[in-house]
Amino acid sequence: MFWRYEITGVDTVTLHFGERIDIQLVERIHRAAEALKGPLAGRLIDTVPSYTTLLLRYDLAHDDLSSLIATVTETLADLPDAIAESADSETIEIPVFYHPSVGPDLSAIATRAGLSVEQVIEQHSRETYNVFAIGFAPGFAYLGQVPGELNTPRQATPRAKVPAGTLGIADTQTAIYPLDSPGGWNLIGRTPLTLFDPKRDQPSLLEAGQRVRFRSIGREEYLQLGGRLDDLPWEEDRTEQQSGDAR
């Protein structure tokens, strides 16, 4: 398995596996991370897989870089460069209420693509997505890749608040906001599931290396599953604008 390392901190080293983002490379990095767990058990404080890299944070009090790299080299020597995509990788199904009320950019994406809203929903929900990486916020999973017709640039001006559970598209990727936060992705729907909960044994619902499918649901099922409609900031903005127009 081809790789190189770079010292990126006093107690971190980053393993580089390639330069171009693709699912084969992501799968290779995920396999490398799994392979290192055994030989480096008790020696690593954290591992952070990304699109093309794997960051290792180790305990300076009980380890040193040369010894760490020696173990990494020995372990990864047995892993092939070409790894077939695993057929038994875990697939997570996420219910999504696709609707302009919770996805205010859904209609604009449809217009841009020359599709109906229903066609956008059908195309987006028929794909199986790979979790490329976790970042930006705890539990924020970068998923790819959306059908070509749905590729949409990020918003020129990010929204000040995007409610937790909101599903968006940015360029070739899709993601769900796990927490209330600012965001510039194009919003197309919302899930009633909690993507990140620090009280759970596994705080993040999604992890790198998993697969995701979205299941389109209606408003009634969304509400039955615990979905919210009372915290939408764009509805508040619309109400304020209508009040201003009335004045």
C-alpha atoms as a PDB file:
ATOM      1  CA  MET A   1       0.000   0.000   0.000  1.00  0.00           C
ATOM      2  CA  PHE A   2       1.466   3.340  -1.093  1.00  0.00           C
ATOM      3  CA  TRP A   3       1.601   6.065   1.538  1.00  0.00           C
ATOM      4  CA  ARG A   4       3.857   8.750   2.964  1.00  0.00           C
ATOM      5  CA  TYR A   5       3.859  10.537   6.283  1.00  0.00           C
ATOM      6  CA  GLU A   6       4.096  14.154   7.357  1.00  0.00           C
ATOM      7  CA  ILE A   7       4.722  15.506  10.849  1.00  0.00           C
ATOM      8  CA  THR A   8       1.780  17.828  11.491  1.00  0.00           C
ATOM      9  CA  GLY A   9       2.137  18.570  15.223  1.00  0.00           C
ATOM     10  CA  VAL A  10       4.146  17.794  18.323  1.00  0.00           C
ATOM     11  CA  ASP A  11       2.086  14.639  18.857  1.00  0.00           C
ATOM     12  CA  THR A  12       0.479  14.066  15.447  1.00  0.00           C
ATOM     13  CA  VAL A  13       1.547  12.547  12.167  1.00  0.00           C
ATOM     14  CA  THR A  14      -0.541  12.520   8.994  1.00  0.00           C
ATOM     15  CA  LEU A  15      -0.428   9.611   6.568  1.00  0.00           C
ATOM     16  CA  HIS A  16      -1.045  10.621   2.945  1.00  0.00           C
ATOM     17  CA  PHE A  17      -2.473   7.975   0.618  1.00  0.00           C
ATOM     18  CA  GLY A  18      -3.211   9.989  -2.530  1.00  0.00           C
ATOM     19  CA  GLU A  19      -4.231  13.340  -3.947  1.00  0.00           C
ATOM     20  CA  ARG A  20      -7.581  12.724  -5.637  1.00  0.00           C
ATOM     21  CA  ILE A  21     -10.856  12.101  -3.829  1.00  0.00           C
ATOM     22  CA  ASP A  22     -12.560   8.872  -4.846  1.00  0.00           C
ATOM     23  CA  ILE A  23     -14.354   6.065  -3.062  1.00  0.00           C
ATOM     24  CA  GLN A  24     -11.532   3.561  -3.611  1.00  0.00           C
ATOM     25  CA  LEU A  25      -9.106   5.857  -1.809  1.00  0.00           C
ATOM     26  CA  VAL A  26     -11.556   6.497   1.019  1.00  0.00           C
ATOM     27  CA  GLU A  27     -12.072   2.745   1.382  1.00  0.00           C
ATOM     28  CA  ARG A  28      -8.296   2.205   1.428  1.00  0.00           C
ATOM     29  CA  ILE A  29      -7.851   4.770   4.210  1.00  0.00           C
ATOM     30  CA  HIS A  30     -10.676   3.206   6.210  1.00  0.00           C
ATOM     31  CA  ARG A  31      -9.056  -0.240   5.878  1.00  0.00           C
ATOM     32  CA  ALA A  32      -5.694   1.206   6.946  1.00  0.00           C
ATOM     33  CA  ALA A  33      -7.261   2.782  10.035  1.00  0.00           C
ATOM     34  CA  GLU A  34      -8.866  -0.540  10.977  1.00  0.00           C
ATOM     35  CA  ALA A  35      -5.616  -2.444  10.400  1.00  0.00           C
ATOM     36  CA  LEU A  36      -3.668  -0.089  12.690  1.00  0.00           C
ATOM     37  CA  LYS A  37      -6.059  -0.405  15.632  1.00  0.00           C
ATOM     38  CA  GLY A  38      -4.566  -3.694  16.797  1.00  0.00           C
ATOM     39  CA  PRO A  39      -0.807  -3.014  16.553  1.00  0.00           C
ATOM     40  CA  LEU A  40      -1.230   0.520  17.911  1.00  0.00           C
ATOM     41  CA  ALA A  41      -3.789  -0.277  20.628  1.00  0.00           C
ATOM     42  CA  GLY A  42      -2.994   1.791  23.699  1.00  0.00           C
ATOM     43  CA  ARG A  43      -0.515   3.925  21.774  1.00  0.00           C
ATOM     44  CA  LEU A  44      -2.919   6.154  19.832  1.00  0.00           C
ATOM     45  CA  ILE A  45      -5.032   8.876  21.400  1.00  0.00           C
ATOM     46  CA  ASP A  46      -7.059   9.473  18.251  1.00  0.00           C
ATOM     47  CA  THR A  47      -7.309   8.634  14.536  1.00  0.00           C
ATOM     48  CA  VAL A  48      -8.972  10.974  12.043  1.00  0.00           C
ATOM     49  CA  PRO A  49      -9.618   9.600   8.533  1.00  0.00           C
ATOM     50  CA  SER A  50     -10.301  12.123   5.784  1.00  0.00           C
ATOM     51  CA  TYR A  51     -10.613  12.172   1.994  1.00  0.00           C
ATOM     52  CA  THR A  52      -6.953  11.459   1.253  1.00  0.00           C
ATOM     53  CA  THR A  53      -5.266  11.258   4.669  1.00  0.00           C
ATOM     54  CA  LEU A  54      -5.281   9.532   8.040  1.00  0.00           C
ATOM     55  CA  LEU A  55      -4.181  11.582  11.033  1.00  0.00           C
ATOM     56  CA  LEU A  56      -2.656   9.740  13.995  1.00  0.00           C
ATOM     57  CA  ARG A  57      -2.346  11.369  17.402  1.00  0.00           C
ATOM     58  CA  TYR A  58      -0.083   9.482  19.788  1.00  0.00           C
ATOM     59  CA  ASP A  59       0.952   9.690  23.433  1.00  0.00           C
ATOM     60  CA  LEU A  60       4.315  11.491  23.666  1.00  0.00           C
ATOM     61  CA  ALA A  61       4.801  10.236  27.226  1.00  0.00           C
ATOM     62  CA  HIS A  62       4.860   6.591  26.121  1.00  0.00           C
ATOM     63  CA  ASP A  63       5.823   6.614  22.438  1.00  0.00           C
ATOM     64  CA  ASP A  64       8.089   8.236  19.871  1.00  0.00           C
ATOM     65  CA  LEU A  65       7.727   8.991  16.182  1.00  0.00           C
ATOM     66  CA  SER A  66      10.333   6.561  14.861  1.00  0.00           C
ATOM     67  CA  SER A  67       8.814   3.628  16.745  1.00  0.00           C
ATOM     68  CA  LEU A  68       5.306   4.622  15.666  1.00  0.00           C
ATOM     69  CA  ILE A  69       6.255   4.874  11.976  1.00  0.00           C
ATOM     70  CA  ALA A  70       8.063   1.533  12.157  1.00  0.00           C
ATOM     71  CA  THR A  71       4.866  -0.140  13.347  1.00  0.00           C
ATOM     72  CA  VAL A  72       2.765   1.669  10.735  1.00  0.00           C
ATOM     73  CA  THR A  73       5.180   0.635   7.982  1.00  0.00           C
ATOM     74  CA  GLU A  74       5.128  -3.013   9.012  1.00  0.00           C
ATOM     75  CA  THR A  75       1.328  -3.094   9.324  1.00  0.00           C
ATOM     76  CA  LEU A  76       0.493  -1.344   6.067  1.00  0.00           C
ATOM     77  CA  ALA A  77       3.027  -3.374   4.069  1.00  0.00           C
ATOM     78  CA  ASP A  78       0.551  -6.250   4.002  1.00  0.00           C
ATOM     79  CA  LEU A  79      -2.373  -4.162   2.725  1.00  0.00           C
ATOM     80  CA  PRO A  80      -2.787  -3.999  -1.082  1.00  0.00           C
ATOM     81  CA  ASP A  81      -3.007  -0.712  -2.972  1.00  0.00           C
ATOM     82  CA  ALA A  82      -6.085  -1.879  -4.865  1.00  0.00           C
ATOM     83  CA  ILE A  83      -8.898  -2.840  -2.528  1.00  0.00           C
ATOM     84  CA  ALA A  84     -12.265  -3.925  -3.808  1.00  0.00           C
ATOM     85  CA  GLU A  85     -15.201  -2.090  -2.299  1.00  0.00           C
ATOM     86  CA  SER A  86     -16.544  -4.161   0.574  1.00  0.00           C
ATOM     87  CA  ALA A  87     -19.934  -5.701  -0.139  1.00  0.00           C
ATOM     88  CA  ASP A  88     -20.795  -6.003   3.528  1.00  0.00           C
ATOM     89  CA  SER A  89     -20.110  -2.412   4.594  1.00  0.00           C
ATOM     90  CA  GLU A  90     -22.808  -1.119   6.884  1.00  0.00           C
ATOM     91  CA  THR A  91     -25.594   0.855   5.218  1.00  0.00           C
ATOM     92  CA  ILE A  92     -27.578   3.317   7.318  1.00  0.00           C
ATOM     93  CA  GLU A  93     -31.108   4.269   6.223  1.00  0.00           C
ATOM     94  CA  ILE A  94     -32.134   7.813   7.074  1.00  0.00           C
ATOM     95  CA  PRO A  95     -35.748   9.004   6.667  1.00  0.00           C
ATOM     96  CA  VAL A  96     -36.024  12.466   5.116  1.00  0.00           C
ATOM     97  CA  PHE A  97     -38.959  14.816   4.686  1.00  0.00           C
ATOM     98  CA  TYR A  98     -38.124  16.488   1.361  1.00  0.00           C
ATOM     99  CA  HIS A  99     -40.184  19.674   1.190  1.00  0.00           C
ATOM    100  CA  PRO A 100     -39.637  23.429   0.651  1.00  0.00           C
ATOM    101  CA  SER A 101     -40.906  24.118   4.183  1.00  0.00           C
ATOM    102  CA  VAL A 102     -37.847  22.392   5.644  1.00  0.00           C
ATOM    103  CA  GLY A 103     -35.646  22.599   2.535  1.00  0.00           C
ATOM    104  CA  PRO A 104     -35.965  26.148   1.222  1.00  0.00           C
ATOM    105  CA  ASP A 105     -33.549  25.564  -1.683  1.00  0.00           C
ATOM    106  CA  LEU A 106     -35.313  22.482  -3.064  1.00  0.00           C
ATOM    107  CA  SER A 107     -37.281  24.368  -5.693  1.00  0.00           C
ATOM    108  CA  ALA A 108     -34.245  26.405  -6.794  1.00  0.00           C
ATOM    109  CA  ILE A 109     -32.198  23.218  -7.301  1.00  0.00           C
ATOM    110  CA  ALA A 110     -35.031  21.757  -9.376  1.00  0.00           C
ATOM    111  CA  THR A 111     -35.194  24.871 -11.544  1.00  0.00           C
ATOM    112  CA  ARG A 112     -31.422  24.949 -11.989  1.00  0.00           C
ATOM    113  CA  ALA A 113     -31.373  21.287 -13.032  1.00  0.00           C
ATOM    114  CA  GLY A 114     -34.409  21.570 -15.308  1.00  0.00           C
ATOM    115  CA  LEU A 115     -36.235  19.000 -13.199  1.00  0.00           C
ATOM    116  CA  SER A 116     -39.419  18.898 -11.163  1.00  0.00           C
ATOM    117  CA  VAL A 117     -39.165  18.860  -7.372  1.00  0.00           C
ATOM    118  CA  GLU A 118     -40.377  15.259  -7.438  1.00  0.00           C
ATOM    119  CA  GLN A 119     -37.577  14.300  -9.850  1.00  0.00           C
ATOM    120  CA  VAL A 120     -34.961  15.926  -7.600  1.00  0.00           C
ATOM    121  CA  ILE A 121     -36.291  13.942  -4.630  1.00  0.00           C
ATOM    122  CA  GLU A 122     -36.310  10.719  -6.643  1.00  0.00           C
ATOM    123  CA  GLN A 123     -32.752  11.203  -7.894  1.00  0.00           C
ATOM    124  CA  HIS A 124     -31.351  12.201  -4.520  1.00  0.00           C
ATOM    125  CA  SER A 125     -33.028   9.392  -2.577  1.00  0.00           C
ATOM    126  CA  ARG A 126     -32.241   6.555  -5.009  1.00  0.00           C
ATOM    127  CA  GLU A 127     -28.458   6.807  -4.520  1.00  0.00           C
ATOM    128  CA  THR A 128     -26.320   4.973  -1.984  1.00  0.00           C
ATOM    129  CA  TYR A 129     -23.826   7.441  -0.531  1.00  0.00           C
ATOM    130  CA  ASN A 130     -20.425   6.807   0.993  1.00  0.00           C
ATOM    131  CA  VAL A 131     -19.363   8.589   4.177  1.00  0.00           C
ATOM    132  CA  PHE A 132     -16.116  10.176   3.021  1.00  0.00           C
ATOM    133  CA  ALA A 133     -15.208  11.992   6.226  1.00  0.00           C
ATOM    134  CA  ILE A 134     -16.493  13.555   9.450  1.00  0.00           C
ATOM    135  CA  GLY A 135     -15.730  17.231  10.024  1.00  0.00           C
ATOM    136  CA  PHE A 136     -16.858  20.874  10.247  1.00  0.00           C
ATOM    137  CA  ALA A 137     -18.960  20.022  13.313  1.00  0.00           C
ATOM    138  CA  PRO A 138     -19.273  16.908  15.521  1.00  0.00           C
ATOM    139  CA  GLY A 139     -21.125  14.260  13.538  1.00  0.00           C
ATOM    140  CA  PHE A 140     -21.148  16.248  10.274  1.00  0.00           C
ATOM    141  CA  ALA A 141     -20.681  13.556   7.610  1.00  0.00           C
ATOM    142  CA  TYR A 142     -19.579  14.411   4.089  1.00  0.00           C
ATOM    143  CA  LEU A 143     -21.457  12.056   1.743  1.00  0.00           C
ATOM    144  CA  GLY A 144     -20.847  11.504  -1.940  1.00  0.00           C
ATOM    145  CA  GLN A 145     -21.565  11.711  -4.583  1.00  0.00           C
ATOM    146  CA  VAL A 146     -24.861  13.237  -5.689  1.00  0.00           C
ATOM    147  CA  PRO A 147     -26.148  12.645  -9.239  1.00  0.00           C
ATOM    148  CA  GLY A 148     -24.511  15.038 -11.689  1.00  0.00           C
ATOM    149  CA  GLU A 149     -27.697  16.983 -12.413  1.00  0.00           C
ATOM    150  CA  LEU A 150     -27.985  17.887  -8.728  1.00  0.00           C
ATOM    151  CA  ASN A 151     -24.484  19.338  -8.364  1.00  0.00           C
ATOM    152  CA  THR A 152     -25.037  22.804  -6.911  1.00  0.00           C
ATOM    153  CA  PRO A 153     -22.476  25.375  -5.688  1.00  0.00           C
ATOM    154  CA  ARG A 154     -22.617  26.527  -2.082  1.00  0.00           C
ATOM    155  CA  GLN A 155     -24.733  29.548  -1.229  1.00  0.00           C
ATOM    156  CA  ALA A 156     -22.917  32.846  -1.836  1.00  0.00           C
ATOM    157  CA  THR A 157     -24.079  34.031   1.589  1.00  0.00           C
ATOM    158  CA  PRO A 158     -24.303  31.363   4.337  1.00  0.00           C
ATOM    159  CA  ARG A 159     -27.388  31.301   6.517  1.00  0.00           C
ATOM    160  CA  ALA A 160     -26.882  32.419  10.117  1.00  0.00           C
ATOM    161  CA  LYS A 161     -28.711  29.321  11.382  1.00  0.00           C
ATOM    162  CA  VAL A 162     -29.497  25.937   9.887  1.00  0.00           C
ATOM    163  CA  PRO A 163     -31.552  23.690  12.211  1.00  0.00           C
ATOM    164  CA  ALA A 164     -30.184  20.300  13.245  1.00  0.00           C
ATOM    165  CA  GLY A 165     -31.309  17.503  10.938  1.00  0.00           C
ATOM    166  CA  THR A 166     -31.449  19.642   7.805  1.00  0.00           C
ATOM    167  CA  LEU A 167     -30.211  17.954   4.634  1.00  0.00           C
ATOM    168  CA  GLY A 168     -28.213  19.912   2.070  1.00  0.00           C
ATOM    169  CA  ILE A 169     -26.195  19.724  -1.132  1.00  0.00           C
ATOM    170  CA  ALA A 170     -22.909  21.495  -1.879  1.00  0.00           C
ATOM    171  CA  ASP A 171     -21.177  20.802  -5.193  1.00  0.00           C
ATOM    172  CA  THR A 172     -20.950  17.004  -5.562  1.00  0.00           C
ATOM    173  CA  GLN A 173     -21.647  16.159  -1.923  1.00  0.00           C
ATOM    174  CA  THR A 174     -24.626  15.962   0.404  1.00  0.00           C
ATOM    175  CA  ALA A 175     -24.756  16.173   4.205  1.00  0.00           C
ATOM    176  CA  ILE A 176     -27.022  16.570   7.219  1.00  0.00           C
ATOM    177  CA  TYR A 177     -26.398  19.302   9.763  1.00  0.00           C
ATOM    178  CA  PRO A 178     -26.081  17.421  13.076  1.00  0.00           C
ATOM    179  CA  LEU A 179     -26.442  20.552  15.222  1.00  0.00           C
ATOM    180  CA  ASP A 180     -27.952  24.007  14.886  1.00  0.00           C
ATOM    181  CA  SER A 181     -25.213  25.990  13.138  1.00  0.00           C
ATOM    182  CA  PRO A 182     -24.465  28.498  10.387  1.00  0.00           C
ATOM    183  CA  GLY A 183     -24.214  26.946   6.955  1.00  0.00           C
ATOM    184  CA  GLY A 184     -23.963  27.624   3.248  1.00  0.00           C
ATOM    185  CA  TRP A 185     -25.240  24.363   1.783  1.00  0.00           C
ATOM    186  CA  ASN A 186     -28.378  24.226  -0.362  1.00  0.00           C
ATOM    187  CA  LEU A 187     -31.149  22.865   1.860  1.00  0.00           C
ATOM    188  CA  ILE A 188     -33.560  20.275   0.466  1.00  0.00           C
ATOM    189  CA  GLY A 189     -35.171  18.476   3.421  1.00  0.00           C
ATOM    190  CA  ARG A 190     -34.885  17.362   7.018  1.00  0.00           C
ATOM    191  CA  THR A 191     -34.609  14.139   8.992  1.00  0.00           C
ATOM    192  CA  PRO A 192     -36.207  13.565  12.413  1.00  0.00           C
ATOM    193  CA  LEU A 193     -33.187  11.504  13.491  1.00  0.00           C
ATOM    194  CA  THR A 194     -30.577  12.883  15.878  1.00  0.00           C
ATOM    195  CA  LEU A 195     -27.232  12.760  14.080  1.00  0.00           C
ATOM    196  CA  PHE A 196     -25.097  13.634  17.097  1.00  0.00           C
ATOM    197  CA  ASP A 197     -25.764  13.101  20.802  1.00  0.00           C
ATOM    198  CA  PRO A 198     -22.814  13.234  23.244  1.00  0.00           C
ATOM    199  CA  LYS A 199     -24.830  11.165  25.751  1.00  0.00           C
ATOM    200  CA  ARG A 200     -24.900   8.121  23.464  1.00  0.00           C
ATOM    201  CA  ASP A 201     -22.234   5.432  23.626  1.00  0.00           C
ATOM    202  CA  GLN A 202     -21.647   6.203  19.943  1.00  0.00           C
ATOM    203  CA  PRO A 203     -22.284   9.978  19.803  1.00  0.00           C
ATOM    204  CA  SER A 204     -22.208  10.228  16.010  1.00  0.00           C
ATOM    205  CA  LEU A 205     -24.787   8.281  14.027  1.00  0.00           C
ATOM    206  CA  LEU A 206     -22.479   8.200  11.002  1.00  0.00           C
ATOM    207  CA  GLU A 207     -18.814   7.240  10.737  1.00  0.00           C
ATOM    208  CA  ALA A 208     -16.312   7.261   7.871  1.00  0.00           C
ATOM    209  CA  GLY A 209     -16.547   4.102   5.815  1.00  0.00           C
ATOM    210  CA  GLN A 210     -20.291   3.580   6.218  1.00  0.00           C
ATOM    211  CA  ARG A 211     -22.880   3.898   3.475  1.00  0.00           C
ATOM    212  CA  VAL A 212     -26.094   5.900   3.619  1.00  0.00           C
ATOM    213  CA  ARG A 213     -29.437   5.709   1.847  1.00  0.00           C
ATOM    214  CA  PHE A 214     -32.183   8.300   2.248  1.00  0.00           C
ATOM    215  CA  ARG A 215     -35.828   7.245   2.439  1.00  0.00           C
ATOM    216  CA  SER A 216     -38.347   9.875   1.409  1.00  0.00           C
ATOM    217  CA  ILE A 217     -41.161  10.280   3.946  1.00  0.00           C
ATOM    218  CA  GLY A 218     -44.214  12.512   4.215  1.00  0.00           C
ATOM    219  CA  ARG A 219     -44.988  15.267   6.682  1.00  0.00           C
ATOM    220  CA  GLU A 220     -47.116  13.070   8.935  1.00  0.00           C
ATOM    221  CA  GLU A 221     -44.446  10.372   9.332  1.00  0.00           C
ATOM    222  CA  TYR A 222     -41.799  13.038   9.858  1.00  0.00           C
ATOM    223  CA  LEU A 223     -43.786  14.465  12.777  1.00  0.00           C
ATOM    224  CA  GLN A 224     -44.589  11.007  14.179  1.00  0.00           C
ATOM    225  CA  LEU A 225     -40.853  10.238  14.265  1.00  0.00           C
ATOM    226  CA  GLY A 226     -40.193  13.381  16.292  1.00  0.00           C
ATOM    227  CA  GLY A 227     -39.472  15.888  13.554  1.00  0.00           C
ATOM    228  CA  ARG A 228     -39.841  19.600  14.252  1.00  0.00           C
ATOM    229  CA  LEU A 229     -41.402  22.410  12.237  1.00  0.00           C
ATOM    230  CA  ASP A 230     -41.421  25.104  14.913  1.00  0.00           C
ATOM    231  CA  ASP A 231     -37.752  26.148  14.698  1.00  0.00           C
ATOM    232  CA  LEU A 232     -37.339  27.155  11.046  1.00  0.00           C
ATOM    233  CA  PRO A 233     -35.481  30.492  10.831  1.00  0.00           C
ATOM    234  CA  TRP A 234     -36.485  31.150   7.207  1.00  0.00           C
ATOM    235  CA  GLU A 235     -40.155  31.007   8.269  1.00  0.00           C
ATOM    236  CA  GLU A 236     -39.416  33.621  10.935  1.00  0.00           C
ATOM    237  CA  ASP A 237     -37.698  35.797   8.327  1.00  0.00           C
ATOM    238  CA  ARG A 238     -40.693  35.436   5.981  1.00  0.00           C
ATOM    239  CA  THR A 239     -43.114  36.444   8.750  1.00  0.00           C
ATOM    240  CA  GLU A 240     -41.039  39.512   9.607  1.00  0.00           C
ATOM    241  CA  GLN A 241     -40.869  40.489   5.932  1.00  0.00           C
ATOM    242  CA  GLN A 242     -44.639  40.123   5.532  1.00  0.00           C
ATOM    243  CA  SER A 243     -45.182  42.252   8.655  1.00  0.00           C
ATOM    244  CA  GLY A 244     -42.879  44.899   7.234  1.00  0.00           C
ATOM    245  CA  ASP A 245     -44.715  44.884   3.916  1.00  0.00           C
ATOM    246  CA  ALA A 246     -48.028  45.309   5.746  1.00  0.00           C
ATOM    247  CA  ARG A 247     -46.677  48.357   7.539  1.00  0.00           C
END
